[in-house]
Amino acid sequence: MISGTGGSGGYAERVAVDAAGLIEVPDGMELDTAVALLADGRTATL
């Protein structure tokens, strides 16, 4: 699971987020790839 809620805490080992902000990483996709796609998508909307 990754979180697309934004805010602070990006370097924290643990954070509390609303379950509605969680995104399931598809099977076979590396976590770093999923996070990069999320960041690229957010940048594209700005």
Protein backbone atom coordinates (compact mmCIF):
# COMPACT_ATOMS: atom_id res chain seq x y z
CA MET A 1 0.00 0.00 0.00
CA ILE A 2 1.09 3.55 -0.69
CA SER A 3 -0.53 6.79 0.37
CA GLY A 4 -1.41 9.61 -1.96
CA THR A 5 -2.56 12.00 0.73
CA GLY A 6 0.42 14.35 0.60
CA GLY A 7 1.47 16.42 3.56
CA SER A 8 4.49 15.89 5.75
CA GLY A 9 6.12 12.74 7.09
CA GLY A 10 7.70 11.51 3.88
CA TYR A 11 10.85 10.38 5.67
CA ALA A 12 9.07 8.93 8.70
CA GLU A 13 9.28 5.20 9.39
CA ARG A 14 5.58 5.17 10.30
CA VAL A 15 2.69 7.54 9.67
CA ALA A 16 -1.05 7.47 10.34
CA VAL A 17 -3.20 8.11 7.28
CA ASP A 18 -6.90 7.88 6.47
CA ALA A 19 -7.72 4.52 4.86
CA ALA A 20 -9.43 6.38 2.01
CA GLY A 21 -6.02 7.74 0.98
CA LEU A 22 -4.38 4.32 0.56
CA ILE A 23 -3.62 2.91 -2.88
CA GLU A 24 -2.96 -0.80 -3.38
CA VAL A 25 0.21 -1.61 -5.31
CA PRO A 26 -0.58 -4.20 -8.01
CA ASP A 27 1.05 -7.64 -7.78
CA GLY A 28 4.34 -7.70 -9.65
CA MET A 29 4.93 -3.94 -9.43
CA GLU A 30 7.92 -2.82 -7.39
CA LEU A 31 7.14 -0.37 -4.58
CA ASP A 32 9.62 2.22 -5.89
CA THR A 33 7.91 2.13 -9.31
CA ALA A 34 4.47 2.63 -7.76
CA VAL A 35 5.65 5.59 -5.71
CA ALA A 36 7.35 7.14 -8.75
CA LEU A 37 4.14 6.85 -10.78
CA LEU A 38 2.21 8.53 -7.97
CA ALA A 39 4.72 11.39 -7.81
CA ASP A 40 4.71 11.86 -11.59
CA GLY A 41 0.93 11.94 -11.67
CA ARG A 42 0.74 14.54 -8.93
CA THR A 43 3.35 16.69 -10.67
CA ALA A 44 1.41 16.49 -13.94
CA THR A 45 -1.72 17.89 -12.29
CA LEU A 46 0.07 20.98 -10.97
